Amino acid sequence: MKRYDLRHLKDNFYDRMTELIQSDLKPGEVGIFLFEIGDFSPIQKSADIIKESGHELMNSLKFNEVDWTIVVKKKGN
């Protein structure tokens, strides 16, 4: 399990999140991604990106007043 803090990217974290899943996680490994939610649209968009890429969104929850955490399991090969 690896944790990634993408809050510094504001709402431009999608490409970096996808890159980290592909390059830094092993098949079957879990990654925890922390990002800022702003207007809440990043929550659905991040879930859609995970689903479209074939990975498993295991959890999605509010971390505090401005941050959100998603837990992703990389698809196994």
PDB file of N, CA and C in Angstrom:
ATOM      1  N   MET A   1       0.851  -1.172   0.000  1.00  0.00           N
ATOM      2  CA  MET A   1       0.000   0.000   0.000  1.00  0.00           C
ATOM      3  C   MET A   1       0.893   1.230   0.000  1.00  0.00           C
ATOM      4  N   LYS A   2       0.535   2.167  -0.879  1.00  0.00           N
ATOM      5  CA  LYS A   2       1.294   3.409  -0.961  1.00  0.00           C
ATOM      6  C   LYS A   2       0.336   4.588  -0.857  1.00  0.00           C
ATOM      7  N   ARG A   3       0.834   5.665  -0.301  1.00  0.00           N
ATOM      8  CA  ARG A   3       0.031   6.883  -0.110  1.00  0.00           C
ATOM      9  C   ARG A   3       0.631   8.004  -0.940  1.00  0.00           C
ATOM     10  N   TYR A   4      -0.254   8.759  -1.624  1.00  0.00           N
ATOM     11  CA  TYR A   4       0.190   9.860  -2.475  1.00  0.00           C
ATOM     12  C   TYR A   4      -0.592  11.120  -2.118  1.00  0.00           C
ATOM     13  N   ASP A   5       0.125  12.181  -1.825  1.00  0.00           N
ATOM     14  CA  ASP A   5      -0.489  13.469  -1.512  1.00  0.00           C
ATOM     15  C   ASP A   5      -0.461  14.330  -2.772  1.00  0.00           C
ATOM     16  N   LEU A   6      -1.617  14.518  -3.384  1.00  0.00           N
ATOM     17  CA  LEU A   6      -1.724  15.297  -4.622  1.00  0.00           C
ATOM     18  C   LEU A   6      -2.414  16.643  -4.381  1.00  0.00           C
ATOM     19  N   ARG A   7      -2.523  17.057  -3.127  1.00  0.00           N
ATOM     20  CA  ARG A   7      -3.212  18.306  -2.805  1.00  0.00           C
ATOM     21  C   ARG A   7      -2.553  19.520  -3.445  1.00  0.00           C
ATOM     22  N   HIS A   8      -1.241  19.497  -3.598  1.00  0.00           N
ATOM     23  CA  HIS A   8      -0.531  20.644  -4.171  1.00  0.00           C
ATOM     24  C   HIS A   8      -0.895  20.872  -5.647  1.00  0.00           C
ATOM     25  N   LEU A   9      -1.481  19.875  -6.292  1.00  0.00           N
ATOM     26  CA  LEU A   9      -1.866  19.996  -7.703  1.00  0.00           C
ATOM     27  C   LEU A   9      -3.259  20.604  -7.884  1.00  0.00           C
ATOM     28  N   LYS A  10      -3.925  20.888  -6.771  1.00  0.00           N
ATOM     29  CA  LYS A  10      -5.297  21.429  -6.773  1.00  0.00           C
ATOM     30  C   LYS A  10      -6.193  20.513  -7.605  1.00  0.00           C
ATOM     31  N   ASP A  11      -6.924  21.032  -8.612  1.00  0.00           N
ATOM     32  CA  ASP A  11      -7.819  20.180  -9.397  1.00  0.00           C
ATOM     33  C   ASP A  11      -7.170  19.678 -10.693  1.00  0.00           C
ATOM     34  N   ASN A  12      -5.855  19.721 -10.758  1.00  0.00           N
ATOM     35  CA  ASN A  12      -5.114  19.210 -11.915  1.00  0.00           C
ATOM     36  C   ASN A  12      -4.343  17.942 -11.557  1.00  0.00           C
ATOM     37  N   PHE A  13      -4.923  17.082 -10.745  1.00  0.00           N
ATOM     38  CA  PHE A  13      -4.223  15.897 -10.246  1.00  0.00           C
ATOM     39  C   PHE A  13      -4.505  14.629 -11.048  1.00  0.00           C
ATOM     40  N   TYR A  14      -5.446  14.658 -11.975  1.00  0.00           N
ATOM     41  CA  TYR A  14      -5.896  13.435 -12.653  1.00  0.00           C
ATOM     42  C   TYR A  14      -4.782  12.728 -13.423  1.00  0.00           C
ATOM     43  N   ASP A  15      -4.029  13.477 -14.216  1.00  0.00           N
ATOM     44  CA  ASP A  15      -2.951  12.864 -14.994  1.00  0.00           C
ATOM     45  C   ASP A  15      -1.891  12.260 -14.084  1.00  0.00           C
ATOM     46  N   ARG A  16      -1.551  12.958 -13.021  1.00  0.00           N
ATOM     47  CA  ARG A  16      -0.536  12.462 -12.092  1.00  0.00           C
ATOM     48  C   ARG A  16      -1.034  11.207 -11.364  1.00  0.00           C
ATOM     49  N   MET A  17      -2.304  11.207 -10.970  1.00  0.00           N
ATOM     50  CA  MET A  17      -2.869  10.045 -10.310  1.00  0.00           C
ATOM     51  C   MET A  17      -2.819   8.832 -11.244  1.00  0.00           C
ATOM     52  N   THR A  18      -3.227   9.008 -12.476  1.00  0.00           N
ATOM     53  CA  THR A  18      -3.211   7.927 -13.456  1.00  0.00           C
ATOM     54  C   THR A  18      -1.788   7.437 -13.693  1.00  0.00           C
ATOM     55  N   GLU A  19      -0.856   8.367 -13.804  1.00  0.00           N
ATOM     56  CA  GLU A  19       0.555   8.015 -14.005  1.00  0.00           C
ATOM     57  C   GLU A  19       1.084   7.187 -12.835  1.00  0.00           C
ATOM     58  N   LEU A  20       0.771   7.590 -11.618  1.00  0.00           N
ATOM     59  CA  LEU A  20       1.238   6.867 -10.438  1.00  0.00           C
ATOM     60  C   LEU A  20       0.647   5.459 -10.364  1.00  0.00           C
ATOM     61  N   ILE A  21      -0.617   5.321 -10.711  1.00  0.00           N
ATOM     62  CA  ILE A  21      -1.233   3.992 -10.712  1.00  0.00           C
ATOM     63  C   ILE A  21      -0.506   3.089 -11.708  1.00  0.00           C
ATOM     64  N   GLN A  22      -0.265   3.613 -12.897  1.00  0.00           N
ATOM     65  CA  GLN A  22       0.364   2.812 -13.948  1.00  0.00           C
ATOM     66  C   GLN A  22       1.829   2.492 -13.648  1.00  0.00           C
ATOM     67  N   SER A  23       2.571   3.460 -13.140  1.00  0.00           N
ATOM     68  CA  SER A  23       4.015   3.277 -13.026  1.00  0.00           C
ATOM     69  C   SER A  23       4.516   2.907 -11.632  1.00  0.00           C
ATOM     70  N   ASP A  24       3.787   3.249 -10.589  1.00  0.00           N
ATOM     71  CA  ASP A  24       4.319   3.079  -9.235  1.00  0.00           C
ATOM     72  C   ASP A  24       3.638   1.968  -8.438  1.00  0.00           C
ATOM     73  N   LEU A  25       2.448   1.566  -8.854  1.00  0.00           N
ATOM     74  CA  LEU A  25       1.761   0.485  -8.154  1.00  0.00           C
ATOM     75  C   LEU A  25       1.933  -0.826  -8.914  1.00  0.00           C
ATOM     76  N   LYS A  26       2.100  -1.911  -8.179  1.00  0.00           N
ATOM     77  CA  LYS A  26       2.169  -3.239  -8.773  1.00  0.00           C
ATOM     78  C   LYS A  26       0.743  -3.760  -8.956  1.00  0.00           C
ATOM     79  N   PRO A  27       0.515  -4.658  -9.894  1.00  0.00           N
ATOM     80  CA  PRO A  27      -0.822  -5.249 -10.033  1.00  0.00           C
ATOM     81  C   PRO A  27      -1.307  -5.822  -8.704  1.00  0.00           C
ATOM     82  N   GLY A  28      -2.525  -5.475  -8.334  1.00  0.00           N
ATOM     83  CA  GLY A  28      -3.108  -5.917  -7.076  1.00  0.00           C
ATOM     84  C   GLY A  28      -2.765  -5.038  -5.885  1.00  0.00           C
ATOM     85  N   GLU A  29      -1.851  -4.093  -6.058  1.00  0.00           N
ATOM     86  CA  GLU A  29      -1.448  -3.207  -4.956  1.00  0.00           C
ATOM     87  C   GLU A  29      -2.449  -2.064  -4.806  1.00  0.00           C
ATOM     88  N   VAL A  30      -2.541  -1.551  -3.599  1.00  0.00           N
ATOM     89  CA  VAL A  30      -3.476  -0.491  -3.266  1.00  0.00           C
ATOM     90  C   VAL A  30      -2.739   0.834  -3.113  1.00  0.00           C
ATOM     91  N   GLY A  31      -3.338   1.893  -3.659  1.00  0.00           N
ATOM     92  CA  GLY A  31      -2.814   3.242  -3.505  1.00  0.00           C
ATOM     93  C   GLY A  31      -3.853   4.139  -2.869  1.00  0.00           C
ATOM     94  N   ILE A  32      -3.411   4.996  -1.979  1.00  0.00           N
ATOM     95  CA  ILE A  32      -4.286   5.973  -1.327  1.00  0.00           C
ATOM     96  C   ILE A  32      -3.915   7.347  -1.876  1.00  0.00           C
ATOM     97  N   PHE A  33      -4.893   8.044  -2.450  1.00  0.00           N
ATOM     98  CA  PHE A  33      -4.652   9.345  -3.069  1.00  0.00           C
ATOM     99  C   PHE A  33      -5.424  10.419  -2.318  1.00  0.00           C
ATOM    100  N   LEU A  34      -4.695  11.461  -1.925  1.00  0.00           N
ATOM    101  CA  LEU A  34      -5.272  12.583  -1.199  1.00  0.00           C
ATOM    102  C   LEU A  34      -5.281  13.794  -2.122  1.00  0.00           C
ATOM    103  N   PHE A  35      -6.440  14.447  -2.279  1.00  0.00           N
ATOM    104  CA  PHE A  35      -6.543  15.619  -3.138  1.00  0.00           C
ATOM    105  C   PHE A  35      -7.563  16.604  -2.577  1.00  0.00           C
ATOM    106  N   GLU A  36      -7.498  17.858  -3.045  1.00  0.00           N
ATOM    107  CA  GLU A  36      -8.452  18.886  -2.619  1.00  0.00           C
ATOM    108  C   GLU A  36      -9.735  18.744  -3.418  1.00  0.00           C
ATOM    109  N   ILE A  37     -10.888  18.937  -2.758  1.00  0.00           N
ATOM    110  CA  ILE A  37     -12.150  18.739  -3.447  1.00  0.00           C
ATOM    111  C   ILE A  37     -12.734  19.995  -4.063  1.00  0.00           C
ATOM    112  N   GLY A  38     -12.475  21.155  -3.518  1.00  0.00           N
ATOM    113  CA  GLY A  38     -13.041  22.372  -4.088  1.00  0.00           C
ATOM    114  C   GLY A  38     -14.550  22.297  -4.217  1.00  0.00           C
ATOM    115  N   ASP A  39     -15.051  22.193  -5.462  1.00  0.00           N
ATOM    116  CA  ASP A  39     -16.498  22.192  -5.705  1.00  0.00           C
ATOM    117  C   ASP A  39     -17.095  20.781  -5.812  1.00  0.00           C
ATOM    118  N   PHE A  40     -16.408  19.786  -5.380  1.00  0.00           N
ATOM    119  CA  PHE A  40     -16.831  18.389  -5.358  1.00  0.00           C
ATOM    120  C   PHE A  40     -16.820  17.690  -6.717  1.00  0.00           C
ATOM    121  N   SER A  41     -16.628  18.400  -7.820  1.00  0.00           N
ATOM    122  CA  SER A  41     -16.591  17.741  -9.127  1.00  0.00           C
ATOM    123  C   SER A  41     -15.402  16.785  -9.268  1.00  0.00           C
ATOM    124  N   PRO A  42     -14.250  17.031  -8.622  1.00  0.00           N
ATOM    125  CA  PRO A  42     -13.143  16.079  -8.737  1.00  0.00           C
ATOM    126  C   PRO A  42     -13.466  14.685  -8.182  1.00  0.00           C
ATOM    127  N   ILE A  43     -14.426  14.596  -7.291  1.00  0.00           N
ATOM    128  CA  ILE A  43     -14.761  13.306  -6.701  1.00  0.00           C
ATOM    129  C   ILE A  43     -15.328  12.371  -7.762  1.00  0.00           C
ATOM    130  N   GLN A  44     -16.348  12.832  -8.482  1.00  0.00           N
ATOM    131  CA  GLN A  44     -16.948  12.001  -9.520  1.00  0.00           C
ATOM    132  C   GLN A  44     -15.984  11.772 -10.669  1.00  0.00           C
ATOM    133  N   LYS A  45     -15.252  12.807 -11.053  1.00  0.00           N
ATOM    134  CA  LYS A  45     -14.321  12.662 -12.165  1.00  0.00           C
ATOM    135  C   LYS A  45     -13.228  11.646 -11.835  1.00  0.00           C
ATOM    136  N   SER A  46     -12.697  11.675 -10.628  1.00  0.00           N
ATOM    137  CA  SER A  46     -11.662  10.706 -10.255  1.00  0.00           C
ATOM    138  C   SER A  46     -12.236   9.292 -10.243  1.00  0.00           C
ATOM    139  N   ALA A  47     -13.459   9.125  -9.761  1.00  0.00           N
ATOM    140  CA  ALA A  47     -14.102   7.807  -9.772  1.00  0.00           C
ATOM    141  C   ALA A  47     -14.298   7.312 -11.195  1.00  0.00           C
ATOM    142  N   ASP A  48     -14.697   8.203 -12.093  1.00  0.00           N
ATOM    143  CA  ASP A  48     -14.882   7.832 -13.501  1.00  0.00           C
ATOM    144  C   ASP A  48     -13.567   7.416 -14.145  1.00  0.00           C
ATOM    145  N   ILE A  49     -12.500   8.137 -13.857  1.00  0.00           N
ATOM    146  CA  ILE A  49     -11.182   7.816 -14.415  1.00  0.00           C
ATOM    147  C   ILE A  49     -10.728   6.437 -13.941  1.00  0.00           C
ATOM    148  N   ILE A  50     -10.923   6.149 -12.666  1.00  0.00           N
ATOM    149  CA  ILE A  50     -10.530   4.851 -12.117  1.00  0.00           C
ATOM    150  C   ILE A  50     -11.327   3.740 -12.795  1.00  0.00           C
ATOM    151  N   LYS A  51     -12.627   3.928 -12.919  1.00  0.00           N
ATOM    152  CA  LYS A  51     -13.483   2.914 -13.536  1.00  0.00           C
ATOM    153  C   LYS A  51     -13.107   2.690 -15.002  1.00  0.00           C
ATOM    154  N   GLU A  52     -12.907   3.772 -15.751  1.00  0.00           N
ATOM    155  CA  GLU A  52     -12.570   3.677 -17.164  1.00  0.00           C
ATOM    156  C   GLU A  52     -11.234   2.975 -17.391  1.00  0.00           C
ATOM    157  N   SER A  53     -10.322   3.109 -16.445  1.00  0.00           N
ATOM    158  CA  SER A  53      -9.004   2.482 -16.592  1.00  0.00           C
ATOM    159  C   SER A  53      -9.010   1.024 -16.131  1.00  0.00           C
ATOM    160  N   GLY A  54     -10.148   0.566 -15.585  1.00  0.00           N
ATOM    161  CA  GLY A  54     -10.275  -0.830 -15.195  1.00  0.00           C
ATOM    162  C   GLY A  54      -9.790  -1.157 -13.796  1.00  0.00           C
ATOM    163  N   HIS A  55      -9.408  -0.149 -13.038  1.00  0.00           N
ATOM    164  CA  HIS A  55      -8.953  -0.372 -11.665  1.00  0.00           C
ATOM    165  C   HIS A  55     -10.160  -0.358 -10.737  1.00  0.00           C
ATOM    166  N   GLU A  56      -9.957  -0.755  -9.498  1.00  0.00           N
ATOM    167  CA  GLU A  56     -11.047  -0.841  -8.536  1.00  0.00           C
ATOM    168  C   GLU A  56     -10.984   0.314  -7.540  1.00  0.00           C
ATOM    169  N   LEU A  57     -12.060   1.076  -7.467  1.00  0.00           N
ATOM    170  CA  LEU A  57     -12.190   2.126  -6.462  1.00  0.00           C
ATOM    171  C   LEU A  57     -12.726   1.459  -5.201  1.00  0.00           C
ATOM    172  N   MET A  58     -11.881   1.358  -4.195  1.00  0.00           N
ATOM    173  CA  MET A  58     -12.242   0.621  -2.986  1.00  0.00           C
ATOM    174  C   MET A  58     -12.927   1.496  -1.940  1.00  0.00           C
ATOM    175  N   ASN A  59     -12.581   2.785  -1.936  1.00  0.00           N
ATOM    176  CA  ASN A  59     -13.156   3.683  -0.940  1.00  0.00           C
ATOM    177  C   ASN A  59     -12.979   5.114  -1.403  1.00  0.00           C
ATOM    178  N   SER A  60     -13.885   5.960  -0.984  1.00  0.00           N
ATOM    179  CA  SER A  60     -13.843   7.382  -1.291  1.00  0.00           C
ATOM    180  C   SER A  60     -14.453   8.097  -0.099  1.00  0.00           C
ATOM    181  N   LEU A  61     -13.669   8.954   0.566  1.00  0.00           N
ATOM    182  CA  LEU A  61     -14.203   9.606   1.757  1.00  0.00           C
ATOM    183  C   LEU A  61     -13.595  10.980   1.986  1.00  0.00           C
ATOM    184  N   LYS A  62     -14.351  11.760   2.699  1.00  0.00           N
ATOM    185  CA  LYS A  62     -13.909  13.102   3.062  1.00  0.00           C
ATOM    186  C   LYS A  62     -12.875  12.981   4.167  1.00  0.00           C
ATOM    187  N   PHE A  63     -11.719  13.618   3.963  1.00  0.00           N
ATOM    188  CA  PHE A  63     -10.621  13.541   4.924  1.00  0.00           C
ATOM    189  C   PHE A  63     -10.734  14.639   5.978  1.00  0.00           C
ATOM    190  N   ASN A  64     -11.066  15.827   5.527  1.00  0.00           N
ATOM    191  CA  ASN A  64     -11.315  16.963   6.423  1.00  0.00           C
ATOM    192  C   ASN A  64     -12.192  17.949   5.651  1.00  0.00           C
ATOM    193  N   GLU A  65     -12.191  19.200   5.993  1.00  0.00           N
ATOM    194  CA  GLU A  65     -13.087  20.169   5.352  1.00  0.00           C
ATOM    195  C   GLU A  65     -12.799  20.411   3.868  1.00  0.00           C
ATOM    196  N   VAL A  66     -11.562  20.242   3.431  1.00  0.00           N
ATOM    197  CA  VAL A  66     -11.224  20.554   2.034  1.00  0.00           C
ATOM    198  C   VAL A  66     -10.572  19.404   1.275  1.00  0.00           C
ATOM    199  N   ASP A  67     -10.236  18.332   1.945  1.00  0.00           N
ATOM    200  CA  ASP A  67      -9.507  17.250   1.303  1.00  0.00           C
ATOM    201  C   ASP A  67     -10.350  15.981   1.188  1.00  0.00           C
ATOM    202  N   TRP A  68     -10.041  15.204   0.166  1.00  0.00           N
ATOM    203  CA  TRP A  68     -10.744  13.952  -0.100  1.00  0.00           C
ATOM    204  C   TRP A  68      -9.711  12.855  -0.289  1.00  0.00           C
ATOM    205  N   THR A  69     -10.051  11.646   0.097  1.00  0.00           N
ATOM    206  CA  THR A  69      -9.166  10.492  -0.060  1.00  0.00           C
ATOM    207  C   THR A  69      -9.884   9.423  -0.870  1.00  0.00           C
ATOM    208  N   ILE A  70      -9.182   8.872  -1.867  1.00  0.00           N
ATOM    209  CA  ILE A  70      -9.707   7.695  -2.557  1.00  0.00           C
ATOM    210  C   ILE A  70      -8.686   6.576  -2.432  1.00  0.00           C
ATOM    211  N   VAL A  71      -9.196   5.364  -2.336  1.00  0.00           N
ATOM    212  CA  VAL A  71      -8.367   4.174  -2.225  1.00  0.00           C
ATOM    213  C   VAL A  71      -8.597   3.364  -3.497  1.00  0.00           C
ATOM    214  N   VAL A  72      -7.507   3.073  -4.212  1.00  0.00           N
ATOM    215  CA  VAL A  72      -7.585   2.421  -5.507  1.00  0.00           C
ATOM    216  C   VAL A  72      -6.737   1.152  -5.501  1.00  0.00           C
ATOM    217  N   LYS A  73      -7.304   0.088  -6.026  1.00  0.00           N
ATOM    218  CA  LYS A  73      -6.555  -1.150  -6.201  1.00  0.00           C
ATOM    219  C   LYS A  73      -6.241  -1.307  -7.685  1.00  0.00           C
ATOM    220  N   LYS A  74      -4.960  -1.404  -8.000  1.00  0.00           N
ATOM    221  CA  LYS A  74      -4.552  -1.539  -9.394  1.00  0.00           C
ATOM    222  C   LYS A  74      -4.995  -2.911  -9.912  1.00  0.00           C
ATOM    223  N   LYS A  75      -5.526  -2.913 -11.115  1.00  0.00           N
ATOM    224  CA  LYS A  75      -5.979  -4.181 -11.682  1.00  0.00           C
ATOM    225  C   LYS A  75      -4.792  -5.130 -11.840  1.00  0.00           C
ATOM    226  N   GLY A  76      -5.044  -6.390 -11.604  1.00  0.00           N
ATOM    227  CA  GLY A  76      -4.002  -7.402 -11.741  1.00  0.00           C
ATOM    228  C   GLY A  76      -3.878  -7.830 -13.186  1.00  0.00           C
ATOM    229  N   ASN A  77      -2.688  -8.250 -13.564  1.00  0.00           N
ATOM    230  CA  ASN A  77      -2.471  -8.704 -14.949  1.00  0.00           C
ATOM    231  C   ASN A  77      -2.450 -10.195 -15.034  1.00  0.00           C
TER     232      ASN A  77
END
